[in-house]
All heavy atoms as atom14 arrays in JSON, in Angstrom:
{
  "sequence": "GPVAYLASWRGRLLTTLDLRPRLGLPAPATRSLLVLGATAGE",
  "atom14_mask": [
    [1, 1, 1, 1, 0, 0, 0, 0, 0, 0, 0, 0, 0, 0],
    [1, 1, 1, 1, 1, 1, 1, 0, 0, 0, 0, 0, 0, 0],
    [1, 1, 1, 1, 1, 1, 1, 0, 0, 0, 0, 0, 0, 0],
    [1, 1, 1, 1, 1, 0, 0, 0, 0, 0, 0, 0, 0, 0],
    [1, 1, 1, 1, 1, 1, 1, 1, 1, 1, 1, 1, 0, 0],
    [1, 1, 1, 1, 1, 1, 1, 1, 0, 0, 0, 0, 0, 0],
    [1, 1, 1, 1, 1, 0, 0, 0, 0, 0, 0, 0, 0, 0],
    [1, 1, 1, 1, 1, 1, 0, 0, 0, 0, 0, 0, 0, 0],
    [1, 1, 1, 1, 1, 1, 1, 1, 1, 1, 1, 1, 1, 1],
    [1, 1, 1, 1, 1, 1, 1, 1, 1, 1, 1, 0, 0, 0],
    [1, 1, 1, 1, 0, 0, 0, 0, 0, 0, 0, 0, 0, 0],
    [1, 1, 1, 1, 1, 1, 1, 1, 1, 1, 1, 0, 0, 0],
    [1, 1, 1, 1, 1, 1, 1, 1, 0, 0, 0, 0, 0, 0],
    [1, 1, 1, 1, 1, 1, 1, 1, 0, 0, 0, 0, 0, 0],
    [1, 1, 1, 1, 1, 1, 1, 0, 0, 0, 0, 0, 0, 0],
    [1, 1, 1, 1, 1, 1, 1, 0, 0, 0, 0, 0, 0, 0],
    [1, 1, 1, 1, 1, 1, 1, 1, 0, 0, 0, 0, 0, 0],
    [1, 1, 1, 1, 1, 1, 1, 1, 0, 0, 0, 0, 0, 0],
    [1, 1, 1, 1, 1, 1, 1, 1, 0, 0, 0, 0, 0, 0],
    [1, 1, 1, 1, 1, 1, 1, 1, 1, 1, 1, 0, 0, 0],
    [1, 1, 1, 1, 1, 1, 1, 0, 0, 0, 0, 0, 0, 0],
    [1, 1, 1, 1, 1, 1, 1, 1, 1, 1, 1, 0, 0, 0],
    [1, 1, 1, 1, 1, 1, 1, 1, 0, 0, 0, 0, 0, 0],
    [1, 1, 1, 1, 0, 0, 0, 0, 0, 0, 0, 0, 0, 0],
    [1, 1, 1, 1, 1, 1, 1, 1, 0, 0, 0, 0, 0, 0],
    [1, 1, 1, 1, 1, 1, 1, 0, 0, 0, 0, 0, 0, 0],
    [1, 1, 1, 1, 1, 0, 0, 0, 0, 0, 0, 0, 0, 0],
    [1, 1, 1, 1, 1, 1, 1, 0, 0, 0, 0, 0, 0, 0],
    [1, 1, 1, 1, 1, 0, 0, 0, 0, 0, 0, 0, 0, 0],
    [1, 1, 1, 1, 1, 1, 1, 0, 0, 0, 0, 0, 0, 0],
    [1, 1, 1, 1, 1, 1, 1, 1, 1, 1, 1, 0, 0, 0],
    [1, 1, 1, 1, 1, 1, 0, 0, 0, 0, 0, 0, 0, 0],
    [1, 1, 1, 1, 1, 1, 1, 1, 0, 0, 0, 0, 0, 0],
    [1, 1, 1, 1, 1, 1, 1, 1, 0, 0, 0, 0, 0, 0],
    [1, 1, 1, 1, 1, 1, 1, 0, 0, 0, 0, 0, 0, 0],
    [1, 1, 1, 1, 1, 1, 1, 1, 0, 0, 0, 0, 0, 0],
    [1, 1, 1, 1, 0, 0, 0, 0, 0, 0, 0, 0, 0, 0],
    [1, 1, 1, 1, 1, 0, 0, 0, 0, 0, 0, 0, 0, 0],
    [1, 1, 1, 1, 1, 1, 1, 0, 0, 0, 0, 0, 0, 0],
    [1, 1, 1, 1, 1, 0, 0, 0, 0, 0, 0, 0, 0, 0],
    [1, 1, 1, 1, 0, 0, 0, 0, 0, 0, 0, 0, 0, 0],
    [1, 1, 1, 1, 1, 1, 1, 1, 1, 0, 0, 0, 0, 0]
  ],
  "atom14_positions": [
    [[-83.16, 19.92, -14.31], [-81.91, 20.21, -15.01], [-81.6, 19.17, -16.04], [-82.37, 18.25, -16.28], [0.0, 0.0, 0.0], [0.0, 0.0, 0.0], [0.0, 0.0, 0.0], [0.0, 0.0, 0.0], [0.0, 0.0, 0.0], [0.0, 0.0, 0.0], [0.0, 0.0, 0.0], [0.0, 0.0, 0.0], [0.0, 0.0, 0.0], [0.0, 0.0, 0.0]],
    [[-80.45, 19.3, -16.65], [-80.07, 18.3, -17.65], [-79.85, 16.91, -17.06], [-79.97, 15.93, -17.76], [-78.79, 18.85, -18.26], [-78.35, 19.98, -17.43], [-79.46, 20.35, -16.52], [0.0, 0.0, 0.0], [0.0, 0.0, 0.0], [0.0, 0.0, 0.0], [0.0, 0.0, 0.0], [0.0, 0.0, 0.0], [0.0, 0.0, 0.0], [0.0, 0.0, 0.0]],
    [[-79.53, 16.83, -15.76], [-79.4, 15.51, -15.14], [-80.81, 15.03, -14.84], [-81.41, 15.38, -13.84], [-78.55, 15.56, -13.85], [-78.47, 14.18, -13.22], [-77.17, 16.09, -14.14], [0.0, 0.0, 0.0], [0.0, 0.0, 0.0], [0.0, 0.0, 0.0], [0.0, 0.0, 0.0], [0.0, 0.0, 0.0], [0.0, 0.0, 0.0], [0.0, 0.0, 0.0]],
    [[-81.38, 14.26, -15.78], [-82.8, 13.91, -15.7], [-83.05, 12.41, -15.6], [-84.17, 12.01, -15.33], [-83.52, 14.47, -16.93], [0.0, 0.0, 0.0], [0.0, 0.0, 0.0], [0.0, 0.0, 0.0], [0.0, 0.0, 0.0], [0.0, 0.0, 0.0], [0.0, 0.0, 0.0], [0.0, 0.0, 0.0], [0.0, 0.0, 0.0], [0.0, 0.0, 0.0]],
    [[-82.03, 11.59, -15.82], [-82.23, 10.15, -15.88], [-81.07, 9.41, -15.25], [-79.97, 9.95, -15.07], [-82.34, 9.69, -17.35], [-83.48, 10.3, -18.1], [-83.32, 11.48, -18.81], [-84.74, 9.71, -18.08], [-84.37, 12.06, -19.5], [-85.8, 10.27, -18.77], [-85.62, 11.45, -19.48], [-86.67, 12.0, -20.15], [0.0, 0.0, 0.0], [0.0, 0.0, 0.0]],
    [[-81.32, 8.15, -14.97], [-80.27, 7.19, -14.65], [-80.38, 6.07, -15.69], [-81.49, 5.71, -16.1], [-80.45, 6.6, -13.25], [-80.22, 7.55, -12.08], [-80.52, 6.85, -10.75], [-78.79, 8.08, -12.07], [0.0, 0.0, 0.0], [0.0, 0.0, 0.0], [0.0, 0.0, 0.0], [0.0, 0.0, 0.0], [0.0, 0.0, 0.0], [0.0, 0.0, 0.0]],
    [[-79.25, 5.56, -16.1], [-79.24, 4.46, -17.06], [-78.44, 3.31, -16.47], [-77.48, 3.51, -15.74], [-78.61, 4.91, -18.37], [0.0, 0.0, 0.0], [0.0, 0.0, 0.0], [0.0, 0.0, 0.0], [0.0, 0.0, 0.0], [0.0, 0.0, 0.0], [0.0, 0.0, 0.0], [0.0, 0.0, 0.0], [0.0, 0.0, 0.0], [0.0, 0.0, 0.0]],
    [[-78.87, 2.11, -16.8], [-78.12, 0.93, -16.41], [-77.08, 0.67, -17.48], [-77.42, 0.49, -18.66], [-79.07, -0.27, -16.28], [-78.32, -1.42, -16.0], [0.0, 0.0, 0.0], [0.0, 0.0, 0.0], [0.0, 0.0, 0.0], [0.0, 0.0, 0.0], [0.0, 0.0, 0.0], [0.0, 0.0, 0.0], [0.0, 0.0, 0.0], [0.0, 0.0, 0.0]],
    [[-75.8, 0.69, -17.06], [-74.72, 0.49, -18.02], [-73.59, -0.27, -17.35], [-73.07, 0.15, -16.32], [-74.22, 1.84, -18.54], [-73.19, 1.73, -19.6], [-73.33, 1.23, -20.85], [-71.82, 2.14, -19.5], [-72.16, 1.3, -21.55], [-71.21, 1.86, -20.74], [-71.06, 2.72, -18.49], [-69.88, 2.13, -21.0], [-69.73, 2.99, -18.75], [-69.15, 2.7, -19.99]],
    [[-73.26, -1.42, -17.93], [-72.19, -2.27, -17.43], [-72.32, -2.58, -15.94], [-71.37, -2.5, -15.18], [-70.82, -1.66, -17.73], [-70.53, -1.57, -19.2], [-69.12, -1.12, -19.47], [-68.88, -1.11, -20.9], [-67.81, -0.59, -21.46], [-66.88, -0.04, -20.72], [-67.67, -0.61, -22.76], [0.0, 0.0, 0.0], [0.0, 0.0, 0.0], [0.0, 0.0, 0.0]],
    [[-73.55, -2.86, -15.53], [-73.8, -3.3, -14.16], [-73.84, -2.2, -13.13], [-73.78, -2.47, -11.94], [0.0, 0.0, 0.0], [0.0, 0.0, 0.0], [0.0, 0.0, 0.0], [0.0, 0.0, 0.0], [0.0, 0.0, 0.0], [0.0, 0.0, 0.0], [0.0, 0.0, 0.0], [0.0, 0.0, 0.0], [0.0, 0.0, 0.0], [0.0, 0.0, 0.0]],
    [[-73.91, -0.95, -13.55], [-74.0, 0.14, -12.58], [-74.93, 1.21, -13.12], [-75.29, 1.21, -14.28], [-72.62, 0.72, -12.28], [-71.93, 1.35, -13.44], [-70.52, 1.79, -13.06], [-69.81, 2.33, -14.18], [-69.77, 3.61, -14.5], [-70.4, 4.49, -13.77], [-69.09, 4.03, -15.53], [0.0, 0.0, 0.0], [0.0, 0.0, 0.0], [0.0, 0.0, 0.0]],
    [[-75.3, 2.14, -12.23], [-76.16, 3.25, -12.63], [-75.29, 4.38, -13.16], [-74.29, 4.76, -12.56], [-77.01, 3.72, -11.45], [-78.06, 2.73, -10.98], [-78.81, 3.29, -9.77], [-79.03, 2.38, -12.09], [0.0, 0.0, 0.0], [0.0, 0.0, 0.0], [0.0, 0.0, 0.0], [0.0, 0.0, 0.0], [0.0, 0.0, 0.0], [0.0, 0.0, 0.0]],
    [[-75.72, 4.93, -14.28], [-74.97, 5.98, -14.95], [-75.81, 7.27, -14.97], [-76.95, 7.26, -15.44], [-74.67, 5.54, -16.39], [-73.87, 6.47, -17.29], [-72.43, 6.56, -16.79], [-73.89, 5.94, -18.71], [0.0, 0.0, 0.0], [0.0, 0.0, 0.0], [0.0, 0.0, 0.0], [0.0, 0.0, 0.0], [0.0, 0.0, 0.0], [0.0, 0.0, 0.0]],
    [[-75.29, 8.35, -14.44], [-75.95, 9.64, -14.53], [-76.15, 9.96, -16.0], [-75.2, 9.88, -16.79], [-75.09, 10.74, -13.86], [-74.87, 10.39, -12.5], [-75.75, 12.09, -13.95], [0.0, 0.0, 0.0], [0.0, 0.0, 0.0], [0.0, 0.0, 0.0], [0.0, 0.0, 0.0], [0.0, 0.0, 0.0], [0.0, 0.0, 0.0], [0.0, 0.0, 0.0]],
    [[-77.38, 10.32, -16.37], [-77.69, 10.54, -17.78], [-78.31, 11.91, -17.99], [-79.24, 12.3, -17.28], [-78.62, 9.43, -18.3], [-77.96, 8.17, -18.11], [-78.94, 9.59, -19.76], [0.0, 0.0, 0.0], [0.0, 0.0, 0.0], [0.0, 0.0, 0.0], [0.0, 0.0, 0.0], [0.0, 0.0, 0.0], [0.0, 0.0, 0.0], [0.0, 0.0, 0.0]],
    [[-77.79, 12.62, -18.98], [-78.21, 14.0, -19.27], [-79.16, 14.02, -20.45], [-79.04, 13.24, -21.38], [-76.98, 14.85, -19.62], [-75.79, 14.76, -18.68], [-74.61, 15.51, -19.29], [-76.14, 15.34, -17.34], [0.0, 0.0, 0.0], [0.0, 0.0, 0.0], [0.0, 0.0, 0.0], [0.0, 0.0, 0.0], [0.0, 0.0, 0.0], [0.0, 0.0, 0.0]],
    [[-80.07, 14.98, -20.41], [-80.92, 15.28, -21.56], [-80.79, 16.79, -21.79], [-81.37, 17.59, -21.06], [-82.37, 14.88, -21.29], [-83.22, 15.0, -22.53], [-82.72, 15.45, -23.58], [-84.42, 14.63, -22.46], [0.0, 0.0, 0.0], [0.0, 0.0, 0.0], [0.0, 0.0, 0.0], [0.0, 0.0, 0.0], [0.0, 0.0, 0.0], [0.0, 0.0, 0.0]],
    [[-80.02, 17.17, -22.8], [-79.76, 18.58, -23.08], [-80.91, 19.23, -23.84], [-80.97, 20.47, -23.93], [-78.48, 18.74, -23.89], [-77.19, 18.23, -23.27], [-76.02, 18.5, -24.2], [-76.95, 18.87, -21.91], [0.0, 0.0, 0.0], [0.0, 0.0, 0.0], [0.0, 0.0, 0.0], [0.0, 0.0, 0.0], [0.0, 0.0, 0.0], [0.0, 0.0, 0.0]],
    [[-81.82, 18.46, -24.39], [-82.86, 19.02, -25.26], [-83.67, 20.12, -24.57], [-83.84, 21.19, -25.16], [-83.74, 17.89, -25.8], [-82.93, 16.98, -26.74], [-83.68, 15.76, -27.15], [-83.85, 14.88, -25.99], [-84.2, 13.6, -26.08], [-84.43, 13.07, -27.26], [-84.33, 12.88, -25.01], [0.0, 0.0, 0.0], [0.0, 0.0, 0.0], [0.0, 0.0, 0.0]],
    [[-84.18, 19.93, -23.35], [-84.92, 21.03, -22.71], [-84.07, 22.29, -22.52], [-84.56, 23.41, -22.72], [-85.36, 20.45, -21.37], [-85.36, 18.97, -21.57], [-84.24, 18.71, -22.54], [0.0, 0.0, 0.0], [0.0, 0.0, 0.0], [0.0, 0.0, 0.0], [0.0, 0.0, 0.0], [0.0, 0.0, 0.0], [0.0, 0.0, 0.0], [0.0, 0.0, 0.0]],
    [[-82.79, 22.15, -22.17], [-81.92, 23.31, -21.97], [-81.64, 24.03, -23.29], [-81.36, 25.22, -23.3], [-80.56, 22.89, -21.38], [-80.59, 22.3, -20.0], [-80.58, 23.27, -18.84], [-79.6, 24.31, -18.77], [-78.47, 24.25, -18.08], [-78.11, 23.14, -17.46], [-77.68, 25.29, -18.02], [0.0, 0.0, 0.0], [0.0, 0.0, 0.0], [0.0, 0.0, 0.0]],
    [[-81.73, 23.28, -24.4], [-81.48, 23.87, -25.72], [-82.78, 24.3, -26.4], [-82.76, 24.72, -27.56], [-80.72, 22.87, -26.61], [-79.35, 22.44, -26.1], [-78.76, 21.37, -26.98], [-78.42, 23.64, -25.98], [0.0, 0.0, 0.0], [0.0, 0.0, 0.0], [0.0, 0.0, 0.0], [0.0, 0.0, 0.0], [0.0, 0.0, 0.0], [0.0, 0.0, 0.0]],
    [[-83.9, 24.17, -25.69], [-85.2, 24.57, -26.26], [-85.7, 23.61, -27.31], [-86.42, 24.01, -28.23], [0.0, 0.0, 0.0], [0.0, 0.0, 0.0], [0.0, 0.0, 0.0], [0.0, 0.0, 0.0], [0.0, 0.0, 0.0], [0.0, 0.0, 0.0], [0.0, 0.0, 0.0], [0.0, 0.0, 0.0], [0.0, 0.0, 0.0], [0.0, 0.0, 0.0]],
    [[-85.32, 22.34, -27.22], [-85.72, 21.34, -28.21], [-86.74, 20.39, -27.61], [-86.71, 20.11, -26.41], [-84.49, 20.54, -28.67], [-83.34, 21.33, -29.29], [-82.14, 20.43, -29.49], [-83.77, 21.95, -30.6], [0.0, 0.0, 0.0], [0.0, 0.0, 0.0], [0.0, 0.0, 0.0], [0.0, 0.0, 0.0], [0.0, 0.0, 0.0], [0.0, 0.0, 0.0]],
    [[-87.64, 19.85, -28.44], [-88.57, 18.85, -27.93], [-87.81, 17.58, -27.55], [-86.74, 17.29, -28.1], [-89.52, 18.59, -29.11], [-88.76, 19.03, -30.32], [-87.81, 20.11, -29.87], [0.0, 0.0, 0.0], [0.0, 0.0, 0.0], [0.0, 0.0, 0.0], [0.0, 0.0, 0.0], [0.0, 0.0, 0.0], [0.0, 0.0, 0.0], [0.0, 0.0, 0.0]],
    [[-88.37, 16.83, -26.61], [-87.69, 15.62, -26.13], [-88.51, 14.38, -26.49], [-89.29, 13.89, -25.69], [-87.49, 15.71, -24.61], [0.0, 0.0, 0.0], [0.0, 0.0, 0.0], [0.0, 0.0, 0.0], [0.0, 0.0, 0.0], [0.0, 0.0, 0.0], [0.0, 0.0, 0.0], [0.0, 0.0, 0.0], [0.0, 0.0, 0.0], [0.0, 0.0, 0.0]],
    [[-88.33, 13.87, -27.73], [-89.06, 12.67, -28.09], [-88.57, 11.47, -27.27], [-87.45, 11.48, -26.75], [-88.73, 12.48, -29.57], [-87.49, 13.25, -29.81], [-87.45, 14.34, -28.78], [0.0, 0.0, 0.0], [0.0, 0.0, 0.0], [0.0, 0.0, 0.0], [0.0, 0.0, 0.0], [0.0, 0.0, 0.0], [0.0, 0.0, 0.0], [0.0, 0.0, 0.0]],
    [[-89.45, 10.48, -27.14], [-89.07, 9.28, -26.4], [-87.88, 8.62, -27.1], [-87.88, 8.41, -28.29], [-90.24, 8.31, -26.34], [0.0, 0.0, 0.0], [0.0, 0.0, 0.0], [0.0, 0.0, 0.0], [0.0, 0.0, 0.0], [0.0, 0.0, 0.0], [0.0, 0.0, 0.0], [0.0, 0.0, 0.0], [0.0, 0.0, 0.0], [0.0, 0.0, 0.0]],
    [[-86.85, 8.34, -26.34], [-85.65, 7.71, -26.9], [-84.96, 6.9, -25.82], [-85.1, 7.18, -24.63], [-84.67, 8.76, -27.47], [-83.55, 8.06, -28.03], [-84.17, 9.69, -26.4], [0.0, 0.0, 0.0], [0.0, 0.0, 0.0], [0.0, 0.0, 0.0], [0.0, 0.0, 0.0], [0.0, 0.0, 0.0], [0.0, 0.0, 0.0], [0.0, 0.0, 0.0]],
    [[-84.24, 5.89, -26.23], [-83.41, 5.12, -25.31], [-81.99, 4.99, -25.83], [-81.24, 4.14, -25.42], [-84.03, 3.75, -25.07], [-85.37, 3.84, -24.37], [-85.94, 2.53, -23.96], [-85.48, 1.42, -24.77], [-85.84, 0.17, -24.55], [-86.64, -0.12, -23.57], [-85.4, -0.8, -25.31], [0.0, 0.0, 0.0], [0.0, 0.0, 0.0], [0.0, 0.0, 0.0]],
    [[-81.64, 5.87, -26.77], [-80.27, 5.88, -27.3], [-79.44, 6.86, -26.48], [-79.91, 7.97, -26.18], [-80.27, 6.34, -28.76], [-80.93, 5.39, -29.57], [0.0, 0.0, 0.0], [0.0, 0.0, 0.0], [0.0, 0.0, 0.0], [0.0, 0.0, 0.0], [0.0, 0.0, 0.0], [0.0, 0.0, 0.0], [0.0, 0.0, 0.0], [0.0, 0.0, 0.0]],
    [[-78.26, 6.44, -26.14], [-77.4, 7.37, -25.41], [-75.95, 7.17, -25.78], [-75.54, 6.11, -26.25], [-77.6, 7.28, -23.89], [-77.2, 6.02, -23.14], [-75.79, 6.14, -22.6], [-78.15, 5.82, -21.98], [0.0, 0.0, 0.0], [0.0, 0.0, 0.0], [0.0, 0.0, 0.0], [0.0, 0.0, 0.0], [0.0, 0.0, 0.0], [0.0, 0.0, 0.0]],
    [[-75.22, 8.27, -25.61], [-73.77, 8.24, -25.76], [-73.19, 8.24, -24.36], [-73.65, 8.98, -23.51], [-73.27, 9.47, -26.51], [-73.86, 9.75, -27.89], [-73.28, 11.04, -28.44], [-73.57, 8.6, -28.83], [0.0, 0.0, 0.0], [0.0, 0.0, 0.0], [0.0, 0.0, 0.0], [0.0, 0.0, 0.0], [0.0, 0.0, 0.0], [0.0, 0.0, 0.0]],
    [[-72.2, 7.39, -24.13], [-71.51, 7.4, -22.85], [-70.25, 8.24, -23.06], [-69.39, 7.93, -23.88], [-71.15, 5.97, -22.37], [-70.42, 6.02, -21.05], [-72.41, 5.12, -22.26], [0.0, 0.0, 0.0], [0.0, 0.0, 0.0], [0.0, 0.0, 0.0], [0.0, 0.0, 0.0], [0.0, 0.0, 0.0], [0.0, 0.0, 0.0], [0.0, 0.0, 0.0]],
    [[-70.21, 9.36, -22.33], [-69.1, 10.31, -22.45], [-68.13, 10.1, -21.3], [-68.54, 9.99, -20.15], [-69.61, 11.75, -22.42], [-70.73, 12.09, -23.41], [-71.17, 13.53, -23.23], [-70.31, 11.83, -24.83], [0.0, 0.0, 0.0], [0.0, 0.0, 0.0], [0.0, 0.0, 0.0], [0.0, 0.0, 0.0], [0.0, 0.0, 0.0], [0.0, 0.0, 0.0]],
    [[-66.84, 10.07, -21.6], [-65.82, 9.88, -20.58], [-65.36, 11.19, -20.0], [-65.24, 12.19, -20.7], [0.0, 0.0, 0.0], [0.0, 0.0, 0.0], [0.0, 0.0, 0.0], [0.0, 0.0, 0.0], [0.0, 0.0, 0.0], [0.0, 0.0, 0.0], [0.0, 0.0, 0.0], [0.0, 0.0, 0.0], [0.0, 0.0, 0.0], [0.0, 0.0, 0.0]],
    [[-65.1, 11.19, -18.71], [-64.55, 12.36, -18.02], [-63.6, 11.86, -16.96], [-63.65, 10.68, -16.57], [-65.67, 13.19, -17.38], [0.0, 0.0, 0.0], [0.0, 0.0, 0.0], [0.0, 0.0, 0.0], [0.0, 0.0, 0.0], [0.0, 0.0, 0.0], [0.0, 0.0, 0.0], [0.0, 0.0, 0.0], [0.0, 0.0, 0.0], [0.0, 0.0, 0.0]],
    [[-62.74, 12.73, -16.48], [-61.78, 12.31, -15.46], [-62.49, 11.86, -14.18], [-61.99, 11.02, -13.46], [-60.79, 13.44, -15.12], [-61.53, 14.6, -14.77], [-59.9, 13.75, -16.31], [0.0, 0.0, 0.0], [0.0, 0.0, 0.0], [0.0, 0.0, 0.0], [0.0, 0.0, 0.0], [0.0, 0.0, 0.0], [0.0, 0.0, 0.0], [0.0, 0.0, 0.0]],
    [[-63.67, 12.41, -13.92], [-64.43, 12.04, -12.71], [-65.32, 10.83, -12.94], [-66.03, 10.41, -12.04], [-65.26, 13.23, -12.25], [0.0, 0.0, 0.0], [0.0, 0.0, 0.0], [0.0, 0.0, 0.0], [0.0, 0.0, 0.0], [0.0, 0.0, 0.0], [0.0, 0.0, 0.0], [0.0, 0.0, 0.0], [0.0, 0.0, 0.0], [0.0, 0.0, 0.0]],
    [[-65.32, 10.26, -14.13], [-66.16, 9.11, -14.45], [-66.91, 9.36, -15.75], [-66.65, 10.32, -16.46], [0.0, 0.0, 0.0], [0.0, 0.0, 0.0], [0.0, 0.0, 0.0], [0.0, 0.0, 0.0], [0.0, 0.0, 0.0], [0.0, 0.0, 0.0], [0.0, 0.0, 0.0], [0.0, 0.0, 0.0], [0.0, 0.0, 0.0], [0.0, 0.0, 0.0]],
    [[-67.85, 8.5, -16.05], [-68.63, 8.64, -17.27], [-70.01, 9.18, -16.96], [-70.54, 9.01, -15.88], [-68.79, 7.27, -17.97], [-67.52, 6.71, -18.54], [-66.79, 5.78, -17.57], [-67.41, 5.35, -16.58], [-65.62, 5.51, -17.82], [0.0, 0.0, 0.0], [0.0, 0.0, 0.0], [0.0, 0.0, 0.0], [0.0, 0.0, 0.0], [0.0, 0.0, 0.0]]
  ]
}
């Protein structure tokens, strides 16, 4: 699924999504991410 990675951010593990496969896009190697805020966490 889109929940494909964990990232280290501010001393904790952050659930990390990769939407590219769900959108039919190739997934080049990358380490750039946006941290999105939600009421249940980031």
